[in-house]
Amino acid sequence: MWHEGSVGKRARRWQKKMEVRKRRRIRKGKRKKIKSGEVKLWGQEKREGEEKEKEEEEKKGKEQVENKKKEGDGIFEKRKRTGKGGGEREGGERKGVLDRGGEQEVEEEKQEMKKRRRRWRTRRRGKREKEEKKEEEVEEEKKRRVIEGGGGEGGGRKGGAEVREGKKEETSGAVNSGSSGVFFYANYNLQ
């Protein structure tokens, strides 16, 4: 009976395989049930309830806005409360304008907003140009510094490190062969 062990091993492997298949089948069934809505996942009902409530609130809000638009208040009601040009509104033409739904005023409002937007746009453009100019100047400054303080094999970097530690005196000739101490500070600023 020399092969008993191997048979046992095979049996174990077979069992394992069957268990895996069984688990997969169960999982597949669960997935189907969840998809069809037979079974709810943990916390799913609560979440769905909250979503429904939110939707209902949004609907209510939209309906209110629509109703207000139909009634014809809105901008005009607010204006009355703030008291802008109230005197004119009581009698004369202005009141007539309001009664017609305030179309004329709406137009004026739109024109005003257009003007404002145009102003903002030009301002923004100016700012952007200034910033770009500044960046270009900084880049040129960096290049100039590097060119001025050339020489020395990696001297600049070592010098920069020393400055960072707080030693501001010049390093020995071996490190900065041929480059000035000023370059070290410049390099340190760049990094």
C-alpha atoms as a PDB file:
ATOM      1  CA  MET A   1       0.000   0.000   0.000  1.00  0.00           C
ATOM      2  CA  TRP A   2       2.711   2.469  -0.896  1.00  0.00           C
ATOM      3  CA  HIS A   3       0.402   4.854  -2.758  1.00  0.00           C
ATOM      4  CA  GLU A   4      -2.041   5.532   0.092  1.00  0.00           C
ATOM      5  CA  GLY A   5      -0.650   8.995   0.833  1.00  0.00           C
ATOM      6  CA  SER A   6      -0.939  10.171  -2.742  1.00  0.00           C
ATOM      7  CA  VAL A   7      -4.569   9.029  -2.923  1.00  0.00           C
ATOM      8  CA  GLY A   8      -5.287  11.029   0.214  1.00  0.00           C
ATOM      9  CA  LYS A   9      -3.665  14.083  -1.333  1.00  0.00           C
ATOM     10  CA  ARG A  10      -5.750  13.751  -4.465  1.00  0.00           C
ATOM     11  CA  ALA A  11      -8.910  13.357  -2.437  1.00  0.00           C
ATOM     12  CA  ARG A  12      -8.060  16.484  -0.460  1.00  0.00           C
ATOM     13  CA  ARG A  13      -7.479  18.439  -3.645  1.00  0.00           C
ATOM     14  CA  TRP A  14     -10.785  17.217  -5.082  1.00  0.00           C
ATOM     15  CA  GLN A  15     -12.617  18.218  -1.914  1.00  0.00           C
ATOM     16  CA  LYS A  16     -11.074  21.675  -2.013  1.00  0.00           C
ATOM     17  CA  LYS A  17     -12.063  22.082  -5.644  1.00  0.00           C
ATOM     18  CA  MET A  18     -15.659  21.128  -4.897  1.00  0.00           C
ATOM     19  CA  GLU A  19     -15.832  23.551  -1.968  1.00  0.00           C
ATOM     20  CA  VAL A  20     -14.578  26.392  -4.141  1.00  0.00           C
ATOM     21  CA  ARG A  21     -17.181  25.574  -6.795  1.00  0.00           C
ATOM     22  CA  LYS A  22     -19.914  25.481  -4.166  1.00  0.00           C
ATOM     23  CA  ARG A  23     -18.888  28.880  -2.792  1.00  0.00           C
ATOM     24  CA  ARG A  24     -18.850  30.335  -6.302  1.00  0.00           C
ATOM     25  CA  ARG A  25     -22.338  28.994  -7.002  1.00  0.00           C
ATOM     26  CA  ILE A  26     -23.687  30.503  -3.790  1.00  0.00           C
ATOM     27  CA  ARG A  27     -22.048  33.854  -4.542  1.00  0.00           C
ATOM     28  CA  LYS A  28     -23.478  33.856  -8.049  1.00  0.00           C
ATOM     29  CA  GLY A  29     -26.965  33.221  -6.676  1.00  0.00           C
ATOM     30  CA  LYS A  30     -26.585  36.029  -4.145  1.00  0.00           C
ATOM     31  CA  ARG A  31     -25.450  38.417  -6.856  1.00  0.00           C
ATOM     32  CA  LYS A  32     -28.514  37.565  -8.941  1.00  0.00           C
ATOM     33  CA  LYS A  33     -30.845  38.126  -5.993  1.00  0.00           C
ATOM     34  CA  ILE A  34     -29.234  41.475  -5.177  1.00  0.00           C
ATOM     35  CA  LYS A  35     -29.499  42.563  -8.792  1.00  0.00           C
ATOM     36  CA  SER A  36     -33.172  41.599  -9.048  1.00  0.00           C
ATOM     37  CA  GLY A  37     -33.866  43.318  -5.716  1.00  0.00           C
ATOM     38  CA  GLU A  38     -35.010  40.201  -3.809  1.00  0.00           C
ATOM     39  CA  VAL A  39     -32.276  40.616  -1.220  1.00  0.00           C
ATOM     40  CA  LYS A  40     -31.121  43.971   0.155  1.00  0.00           C
ATOM     41  CA  LEU A  41     -27.520  44.558   1.131  1.00  0.00           C
ATOM     42  CA  TRP A  42     -26.654  45.819   4.601  1.00  0.00           C
ATOM     43  CA  GLY A  43     -27.566  49.510   4.825  1.00  0.00           C
ATOM     44  CA  GLN A  44     -29.069  49.555   1.333  1.00  0.00           C
ATOM     45  CA  GLU A  45     -32.642  50.220   2.460  1.00  0.00           C
ATOM     46  CA  LYS A  46     -31.556  53.148   4.604  1.00  0.00           C
ATOM     47  CA  ARG A  47     -29.561  54.647   1.753  1.00  0.00           C
ATOM     48  CA  GLU A  48     -32.430  54.286  -0.708  1.00  0.00           C
ATOM     49  CA  GLY A  49     -34.803  55.961   1.747  1.00  0.00           C
ATOM     50  CA  GLU A  50     -32.451  58.926   2.144  1.00  0.00           C
ATOM     51  CA  GLU A  51     -32.098  59.285  -1.631  1.00  0.00           C
ATOM     52  CA  LYS A  52     -35.885  59.306  -2.053  1.00  0.00           C
ATOM     53  CA  GLU A  53     -36.238  62.013   0.588  1.00  0.00           C
ATOM     54  CA  LYS A  54     -33.608  64.141  -1.134  1.00  0.00           C
ATOM     55  CA  GLU A  55     -35.350  63.803  -4.495  1.00  0.00           C
ATOM     56  CA  GLU A  56     -38.683  64.805  -2.960  1.00  0.00           C
ATOM     57  CA  GLU A  57     -37.124  67.887  -1.342  1.00  0.00           C
ATOM     58  CA  GLU A  58     -35.544  68.921  -4.648  1.00  0.00           C
ATOM     59  CA  LYS A  59     -38.893  68.504  -6.410  1.00  0.00           C
ATOM     60  CA  LYS A  60     -40.597  70.677  -3.817  1.00  0.00           C
ATOM     61  CA  GLY A  61     -37.940  73.368  -4.186  1.00  0.00           C
ATOM     62  CA  LYS A  62     -38.282  73.391  -7.969  1.00  0.00           C
ATOM     63  CA  GLU A  63     -42.069  73.606  -7.728  1.00  0.00           C
ATOM     64  CA  GLN A  64     -41.816  76.582  -5.380  1.00  0.00           C
ATOM     65  CA  VAL A  65     -39.476  78.383  -7.769  1.00  0.00           C
ATOM     66  CA  GLU A  66     -41.821  77.688 -10.689  1.00  0.00           C
ATOM     67  CA  ASN A  67     -44.812  78.999  -8.730  1.00  0.00           C
ATOM     68  CA  LYS A  68     -42.954  82.175  -7.833  1.00  0.00           C
ATOM     69  CA  LYS A  69     -42.073  82.745 -11.479  1.00  0.00           C
ATOM     70  CA  LYS A  70     -45.720  82.301 -12.470  1.00  0.00           C
ATOM     71  CA  GLU A  71     -46.863  84.766  -9.824  1.00  0.00           C
ATOM     72  CA  GLY A  72     -44.405  87.272 -11.290  1.00  0.00           C
ATOM     73  CA  ASP A  73     -42.523  88.296  -8.164  1.00  0.00           C
ATOM     74  CA  GLY A  74     -38.824  87.615  -7.696  1.00  0.00           C
ATOM     75  CA  ILE A  75     -36.464  90.439  -8.599  1.00  0.00           C
ATOM     76  CA  PHE A  76     -39.183  93.058  -8.432  1.00  0.00           C
ATOM     77  CA  GLU A  77     -40.459  92.051  -4.999  1.00  0.00           C
ATOM     78  CA  LYS A  78     -36.926  92.195  -3.618  1.00  0.00           C
ATOM     79  CA  ARG A  79     -36.425  95.652  -5.101  1.00  0.00           C
ATOM     80  CA  LYS A  80     -39.567  96.914  -3.415  1.00  0.00           C
ATOM     81  CA  ARG A  81     -38.308  95.700  -0.051  1.00  0.00           C
ATOM     82  CA  THR A  82     -34.909  97.372  -0.405  1.00  0.00           C
ATOM     83  CA  GLY A  83     -36.702 100.591  -1.307  1.00  0.00           C
ATOM     84  CA  LYS A  84     -34.719 101.394  -4.436  1.00  0.00           C
ATOM     85  CA  GLY A  85     -36.706 103.930  -6.438  1.00  0.00           C
ATOM     86  CA  GLY A  86     -39.816 103.287  -4.405  1.00  0.00           C
ATOM     87  CA  GLY A  87     -41.213 106.746  -5.042  1.00  0.00           C
ATOM     88  CA  GLU A  88     -41.244 106.317  -8.760  1.00  0.00           C
ATOM     89  CA  ARG A  89     -42.878 102.957  -8.437  1.00  0.00           C
ATOM     90  CA  GLU A  90     -45.918 104.173  -6.525  1.00  0.00           C
ATOM     91  CA  GLY A  91     -47.285 106.281  -9.374  1.00  0.00           C
ATOM     92  CA  GLY A  92     -46.451 107.052 -12.977  1.00  0.00           C
ATOM     93  CA  GLU A  93     -44.998 104.899 -15.704  1.00  0.00           C
ATOM     94  CA  ARG A  94     -42.806 102.684 -13.557  1.00  0.00           C
ATOM     95  CA  LYS A  95     -45.774 101.001 -11.960  1.00  0.00           C
ATOM     96  CA  GLY A  96     -47.169 100.233 -15.390  1.00  0.00           C
ATOM     97  CA  VAL A  97     -43.902  98.546 -16.303  1.00  0.00           C
ATOM     98  CA  LEU A  98     -44.159  96.355 -13.236  1.00  0.00           C
ATOM     99  CA  ASP A  99     -47.716  95.381 -14.033  1.00  0.00           C
ATOM    100  CA  ARG A 100     -46.674  94.145 -17.468  1.00  0.00           C
ATOM    101  CA  GLY A 101     -44.346  91.661 -15.792  1.00  0.00           C
ATOM    102  CA  GLY A 102     -41.371  94.019 -15.661  1.00  0.00           C
ATOM    103  CA  GLU A 103     -39.987  93.053 -19.069  1.00  0.00           C
ATOM    104  CA  GLN A 104     -38.261  96.389 -19.528  1.00  0.00           C
ATOM    105  CA  GLU A 105     -36.501  96.152 -16.171  1.00  0.00           C
ATOM    106  CA  VAL A 106     -35.388  92.611 -16.872  1.00  0.00           C
ATOM    107  CA  GLU A 107     -33.768  93.825 -20.091  1.00  0.00           C
ATOM    108  CA  GLU A 108     -31.995  96.636 -18.233  1.00  0.00           C
ATOM    109  CA  GLU A 109     -30.734  94.136 -15.670  1.00  0.00           C
ATOM    110  CA  LYS A 110     -29.347  91.878 -18.402  1.00  0.00           C
ATOM    111  CA  GLN A 111     -27.513  94.743 -20.089  1.00  0.00           C
ATOM    112  CA  GLU A 112     -25.993  95.785 -16.768  1.00  0.00           C
ATOM    113  CA  MET A 113     -24.725  92.269 -16.112  1.00  0.00           C
ATOM    114  CA  LYS A 114     -23.182  92.078 -19.587  1.00  0.00           C
ATOM    115  CA  LYS A 115     -21.273  95.298 -18.963  1.00  0.00           C
ATOM    116  CA  ARG A 116     -20.026  94.034 -15.614  1.00  0.00           C
ATOM    117  CA  ARG A 117     -18.854  90.752 -17.096  1.00  0.00           C
ATOM    118  CA  ARG A 118     -16.953  92.579 -19.812  1.00  0.00           C
ATOM    119  CA  ARG A 119     -15.193  94.674 -17.184  1.00  0.00           C
ATOM    120  CA  TRP A 120     -14.209  91.603 -15.174  1.00  0.00           C
ATOM    121  CA  ARG A 121     -12.864  89.882 -18.267  1.00  0.00           C
ATOM    122  CA  THR A 122     -10.550  92.763 -19.191  1.00  0.00           C
ATOM    123  CA  ARG A 123      -9.311  93.017 -15.616  1.00  0.00           C
ATOM    124  CA  ARG A 124      -8.513  89.333 -15.535  1.00  0.00           C
ATOM    125  CA  ARG A 125      -6.633  89.549 -18.827  1.00  0.00           C
ATOM    126  CA  GLY A 126      -4.439  92.348 -17.483  1.00  0.00           C
ATOM    127  CA  LYS A 127      -3.606  90.355 -14.364  1.00  0.00           C
ATOM    128  CA  ARG A 128      -2.662  87.290 -16.370  1.00  0.00           C
ATOM    129  CA  GLU A 129      -0.322  89.277 -18.604  1.00  0.00           C
ATOM    130  CA  LYS A 130       1.422  90.796 -15.588  1.00  0.00           C
ATOM    131  CA  GLU A 131       1.944  87.380 -14.006  1.00  0.00           C
ATOM    132  CA  GLU A 132       3.376  85.932 -17.220  1.00  0.00           C
ATOM    133  CA  LYS A 133       5.799  88.846 -17.509  1.00  0.00           C
ATOM    134  CA  LYS A 134       6.965  88.311 -13.934  1.00  0.00           C
ATOM    135  CA  GLU A 135       7.579  84.605 -14.536  1.00  0.00           C
ATOM    136  CA  GLU A 136       9.662  85.358 -17.631  1.00  0.00           C
ATOM    137  CA  GLU A 137      11.787  87.847 -15.686  1.00  0.00           C
ATOM    138  CA  VAL A 138      12.408  85.305 -12.926  1.00  0.00           C
ATOM    139  CA  GLU A 139      13.494  82.687 -15.476  1.00  0.00           C
ATOM    140  CA  GLU A 140      15.937  85.136 -17.109  1.00  0.00           C
ATOM    141  CA  GLU A 141      17.341  86.077 -13.707  1.00  0.00           C
ATOM    142  CA  LYS A 142      17.988  82.411 -12.922  1.00  0.00           C
ATOM    143  CA  LYS A 143      19.803  81.869 -16.234  1.00  0.00           C
ATOM    144  CA  ARG A 144      21.923  84.985 -15.740  1.00  0.00           C
ATOM    145  CA  ARG A 145      22.985  83.950 -12.252  1.00  0.00           C
ATOM    146  CA  VAL A 146      24.013  80.495 -13.406  1.00  0.00           C
ATOM    147  CA  ILE A 147      26.094  81.945 -16.267  1.00  0.00           C
ATOM    148  CA  GLU A 148      27.801  84.524 -14.020  1.00  0.00           C
ATOM    149  CA  GLY A 149      28.803  81.999 -11.392  1.00  0.00           C
ATOM    150  CA  GLY A 150      30.114  79.262 -13.689  1.00  0.00           C
ATOM    151  CA  GLY A 151      33.257  77.173 -13.043  1.00  0.00           C
ATOM    152  CA  GLY A 152      34.065  74.671 -10.335  1.00  0.00           C
ATOM    153  CA  GLU A 153      33.094  71.022 -10.590  1.00  0.00           C
ATOM    154  CA  GLY A 154      29.857  70.838  -8.670  1.00  0.00           C
ATOM    155  CA  GLY A 155      31.154  73.637  -6.505  1.00  0.00           C
ATOM    156  CA  GLY A 156      27.913  75.513  -6.648  1.00  0.00           C
ATOM    157  CA  ARG A 157      25.889  72.699  -5.206  1.00  0.00           C
ATOM    158  CA  LYS A 158      28.231  72.101  -2.276  1.00  0.00           C
ATOM    159  CA  GLY A 159      28.312  75.786  -1.560  1.00  0.00           C
ATOM    160  CA  GLY A 160      24.545  75.890  -1.569  1.00  0.00           C
ATOM    161  CA  ALA A 161      24.415  73.104   0.963  1.00  0.00           C
ATOM    162  CA  GLU A 162      26.810  74.951   3.256  1.00  0.00           C
ATOM    163  CA  VAL A 163      24.792  78.129   3.082  1.00  0.00           C
ATOM    164  CA  ARG A 164      21.705  76.138   3.987  1.00  0.00           C
ATOM    165  CA  GLU A 165      23.412  74.941   7.155  1.00  0.00           C
ATOM    166  CA  GLY A 166      23.974  78.557   8.092  1.00  0.00           C
ATOM    167  CA  LYS A 167      27.710  78.940   7.331  1.00  0.00           C
ATOM    168  CA  LYS A 168      27.938  82.072   5.232  1.00  0.00           C
ATOM    169  CA  GLU A 169      31.740  82.283   4.960  1.00  0.00           C
ATOM    170  CA  GLU A 170      33.335  81.142   1.728  1.00  0.00           C
ATOM    171  CA  THR A 171      34.403  77.494   1.508  1.00  0.00           C
ATOM    172  CA  SER A 172      37.942  76.360   0.806  1.00  0.00           C
ATOM    173  CA  GLY A 173      39.512  76.823  -2.646  1.00  0.00           C
ATOM    174  CA  ALA A 174      39.188  73.121  -3.436  1.00  0.00           C
ATOM    175  CA  VAL A 175      35.405  73.294  -3.425  1.00  0.00           C
ATOM    176  CA  ASN A 176      34.824  76.561  -5.258  1.00  0.00           C
ATOM    177  CA  SER A 177      37.682  76.410  -7.740  1.00  0.00           C
ATOM    178  CA  GLY A 178      37.312  79.622  -9.715  1.00  0.00           C
ATOM    179  CA  SER A 179      33.762  80.599  -8.680  1.00  0.00           C
ATOM    180  CA  SER A 180      32.880  83.425  -6.327  1.00  0.00           C
ATOM    181  CA  GLY A 181      31.056  83.088  -3.028  1.00  0.00           C
ATOM    182  CA  VAL A 182      28.235  85.216  -4.369  1.00  0.00           C
ATOM    183  CA  PHE A 183      27.341  82.447  -6.761  1.00  0.00           C
ATOM    184  CA  PHE A 184      26.728  80.089  -3.864  1.00  0.00           C
ATOM    185  CA  TYR A 185      24.043  82.316  -2.404  1.00  0.00           C
ATOM    186  CA  ALA A 186      22.469  82.800  -5.817  1.00  0.00           C
ATOM    187  CA  ASN A 187      22.433  79.050  -6.390  1.00  0.00           C
ATOM    188  CA  TYR A 188      20.907  78.466  -2.995  1.00  0.00           C
ATOM    189  CA  ASN A 189      18.075  80.830  -3.865  1.00  0.00           C
ATOM    190  CA  LEU A 190      17.378  78.938  -7.061  1.00  0.00           C
ATOM    191  CA  GLN A 191      16.983  75.549  -5.448  1.00  0.00           C
END
